[in-house]
Amino acid sequence: MRWKALSIEEKAPYQALALADKTRYLDETAVYKEKIITTVSTIVGDGDGDVCIKKELKKKTKKSMVKDKPKRAKSSYLFFMSDYRRRLKEENPYATSTEISKELGWLCLLSVH
């Protein structure tokens, strides 16, 4: 089964999942941006000089803010591939992760040509 060979009706569930995940991502990003604005305003209010503010801002944003950053939304193709991976695992319960990945790689390679 290849992604390009799927009809619009067969792609619809994956596209719905992608749309829901995009909505989640946008909501989490809005909260994340609000948190950054709050942190920046707190740093600016606490700093004595411009140099101290810039150094403190870099430390805060790089260390504490990056780990809270929301993950990007998955595409409908990625949802399809994870579903296909699950199906392959059910068909071949004793297959290793490497074997499953090779099979998916061949699927992608064959879908390109």
Protein backbone atom coordinates (compact mmCIF):
# COMPACT_ATOMS: atom_id res chain seq x y z
CA MET A 1 0.00 0.00 0.00
CA ARG A 2 1.48 3.33 -1.04
CA TRP A 3 0.48 6.83 0.00
CA LYS A 4 0.24 8.08 -3.58
CA ALA A 5 -2.00 5.15 -4.54
CA LEU A 6 -4.57 5.91 -1.84
CA SER A 7 -7.83 7.53 -2.87
CA ILE A 8 -9.13 10.73 -1.30
CA GLU A 9 -11.54 8.71 0.85
CA GLU A 10 -8.72 6.49 2.11
CA LYS A 11 -6.56 9.51 2.95
CA ALA A 12 -9.40 11.30 4.79
CA PRO A 13 -8.88 9.71 8.25
CA TYR A 14 -5.17 10.55 8.18
CA GLN A 15 -5.89 14.09 7.05
CA ALA A 16 -8.40 14.49 9.89
CA LEU A 17 -5.77 13.33 12.39
CA ALA A 18 -3.26 15.77 10.90
CA LEU A 19 -5.74 18.63 11.16
CA ALA A 20 -6.46 17.79 14.81
CA ASP A 21 -2.74 17.61 15.54
CA LYS A 22 -2.18 20.95 13.81
CA THR A 23 -4.88 22.51 15.98
CA ARG A 24 -3.16 21.08 19.08
CA TYR A 25 0.17 22.46 17.91
CA LEU A 26 -1.24 25.93 17.29
CA ASP A 27 -2.90 25.99 20.72
CA GLU A 28 0.29 24.86 22.47
CA THR A 29 2.36 27.36 20.48
CA ALA A 30 0.08 30.22 21.54
CA VAL A 31 0.51 29.22 25.20
CA TYR A 32 4.27 28.86 24.69
CA LYS A 33 4.58 32.31 23.07
CA GLU A 34 2.59 33.85 25.92
CA LYS A 35 4.96 32.20 28.37
CA ILE A 36 7.97 33.64 26.52
CA ILE A 37 6.44 37.13 26.57
CA THR A 38 5.83 36.81 30.32
CA THR A 39 9.40 35.64 30.90
CA VAL A 40 10.87 38.45 28.78
CA SER A 41 8.82 41.11 30.56
CA THR A 42 9.91 39.69 33.93
CA ILE A 43 13.57 39.79 32.88
CA VAL A 44 13.29 43.34 31.54
CA GLY A 45 11.64 44.47 34.76
CA ASP A 46 14.35 42.92 36.95
CA GLY A 47 17.45 44.02 35.01
CA ASP A 48 19.62 46.99 36.01
CA GLY A 49 21.36 47.53 32.67
CA ASP A 50 20.98 46.54 29.05
CA VAL A 51 23.92 44.13 29.08
CA CYS A 52 22.59 42.22 32.08
CA ILE A 53 19.15 41.96 30.48
CA LYS A 54 20.54 40.51 27.24
CA LYS A 55 22.68 37.90 29.02
CA GLU A 56 19.85 36.87 31.33
CA LEU A 57 17.41 36.69 28.39
CA LYS A 58 19.74 34.39 26.44
CA LYS A 59 20.19 32.08 29.42
CA LYS A 60 16.46 31.85 30.13
CA THR A 61 15.32 31.33 26.56
CA LYS A 62 17.95 28.79 25.62
CA LYS A 63 17.77 26.59 28.69
CA SER A 64 14.33 26.75 30.24
CA MET A 65 12.18 27.70 27.28
CA VAL A 66 13.48 25.25 24.68
CA LYS A 67 12.50 22.20 26.71
CA ASP A 68 8.92 23.50 27.00
CA LYS A 69 8.59 24.13 23.27
CA PRO A 70 5.67 22.19 21.71
CA LYS A 71 6.39 19.46 19.18
CA ARG A 72 5.51 20.17 15.58
CA ALA A 73 2.31 18.79 14.14
CA LYS A 74 2.52 15.52 12.22
CA SER A 75 1.51 15.42 8.59
CA SER A 76 -1.15 13.06 7.29
CA TYR A 77 1.63 11.02 5.66
CA LEU A 78 3.32 10.50 9.04
CA PHE A 79 0.04 9.30 10.55
CA PHE A 80 -0.31 6.90 7.60
CA MET A 81 3.23 5.58 8.12
CA SER A 82 2.72 5.04 11.86
CA ASP A 83 -0.50 3.15 11.11
CA TYR A 84 1.30 1.09 8.47
CA ARG A 85 4.13 0.40 10.95
CA ARG A 86 1.56 -0.84 13.48
CA ARG A 87 0.02 -3.14 10.85
CA LEU A 88 3.42 -4.53 9.88
CA LYS A 89 4.17 -5.21 13.53
CA GLU A 90 0.86 -7.08 13.92
CA GLU A 91 1.54 -9.17 10.81
CA ASN A 92 5.12 -9.92 11.90
CA PRO A 93 5.11 -9.95 15.72
CA TYR A 94 8.66 -11.32 15.91
CA ALA A 95 10.15 -8.77 13.51
CA THR A 96 12.69 -6.41 15.01
CA SER A 97 12.41 -2.65 14.78
CA THR A 98 15.22 -2.69 12.23
CA GLU A 99 13.34 -5.11 9.98
CA ILE A 100 10.16 -3.04 10.21
CA SER A 101 12.11 0.12 9.37
CA LYS A 102 13.70 -1.59 6.38
CA GLU A 103 10.27 -2.64 5.11
CA LEU A 104 8.98 0.92 5.50
CA GLY A 105 12.08 2.21 3.75
CA TRP A 106 11.43 -0.06 0.80
CA LEU A 107 7.83 1.14 0.76
CA CYS A 108 9.00 4.76 0.55
CA LEU A 109 11.60 3.92 -2.07
CA LEU A 110 9.11 2.09 -4.25
CA SER A 111 6.56 4.90 -3.93
CA VAL A 112 9.09 7.39 -5.32
CA HIS A 113 9.75 5.41 -8.49
